[in-house]
Amino acid sequence: MNGKLRAVVRVPADIDPDTLGEVAKSDAKVKAAIAGKEIIKVIVVPGKLVNIVVKG
């Protein structure tokens, strides 16, 4: 989130990028970090990372 590691989530390698973004946002640590903040953008690099850009 905002370029900092908040959680590690294991998913199948062939997962859809949109689904991967949703899985990342549903993680408990990520939910706590984005609580009360506005999600600006979700950047998904398949097989590597998900970055959630927030404001607030």
Protein backbone atom coordinates (compact mmCIF):
# COMPACT_ATOMS: atom_id res chain seq x y z
CA MET A 1 0.00 0.00 0.00
CA ASN A 2 1.48 3.31 -1.13
CA GLY A 3 4.69 1.44 -1.99
CA LYS A 4 5.13 -0.26 1.39
CA LEU A 5 4.71 -3.97 2.09
CA ARG A 6 1.66 -4.60 4.28
CA ALA A 7 0.88 -8.26 3.62
CA VAL A 8 1.89 -11.33 1.63
CA VAL A 9 -0.92 -13.32 -0.01
CA ARG A 10 -0.43 -16.61 -1.83
CA VAL A 11 -2.65 -17.15 -4.87
CA PRO A 12 -2.58 -19.38 -7.97
CA ALA A 13 -0.17 -18.16 -10.67
CA ASP A 14 -2.91 -17.92 -13.30
CA ILE A 15 -5.27 -15.71 -11.28
CA ASP A 16 -7.07 -12.88 -13.08
CA PRO A 17 -5.54 -9.42 -12.29
CA ASP A 18 -8.92 -8.00 -11.21
CA THR A 19 -9.48 -10.92 -8.85
CA LEU A 20 -5.94 -10.53 -7.51
CA GLY A 21 -6.67 -6.89 -6.64
CA GLU A 22 -9.83 -7.92 -4.79
CA VAL A 23 -8.00 -10.66 -2.88
CA ALA A 24 -5.34 -8.15 -1.83
CA LYS A 25 -7.96 -5.65 -0.64
CA SER A 26 -9.75 -8.35 1.37
CA ASP A 27 -6.66 -9.22 3.46
CA ALA A 28 -7.11 -8.27 7.14
CA LYS A 29 -3.87 -6.25 7.40
CA VAL A 30 -4.64 -4.37 4.20
CA LYS A 31 -8.22 -3.66 5.34
CA ALA A 32 -6.85 -2.14 8.54
CA ALA A 33 -4.37 -0.01 6.59
CA ILE A 34 -6.95 1.34 4.13
CA ALA A 35 -9.74 1.89 6.66
CA GLY A 36 -11.13 5.40 6.35
CA LYS A 37 -8.99 6.22 3.31
CA GLU A 38 -9.93 6.80 -0.32
CA ILE A 39 -8.53 4.26 -2.80
CA ILE A 40 -7.10 6.22 -5.73
CA LYS A 41 -5.68 3.39 -7.83
CA VAL A 42 -4.93 -0.34 -7.68
CA ILE A 43 -1.81 -1.36 -9.61
CA VAL A 44 -1.51 -5.09 -10.34
CA VAL A 45 1.64 -6.68 -11.78
CA PRO A 46 0.61 -10.32 -12.37
CA GLY A 47 2.89 -12.78 -10.61
CA LYS A 48 4.68 -10.03 -8.68
CA LEU A 49 2.74 -7.47 -6.67
CA VAL A 50 -0.36 -5.41 -6.00
CA ASN A 51 0.02 -1.77 -4.98
CA ILE A 52 -2.99 0.09 -3.61
CA VAL A 53 -2.63 3.87 -3.78
CA VAL A 54 -4.69 5.64 -1.11
CA LYS A 55 -5.32 9.21 -0.06
CA GLY A 56 -6.17 10.40 3.39
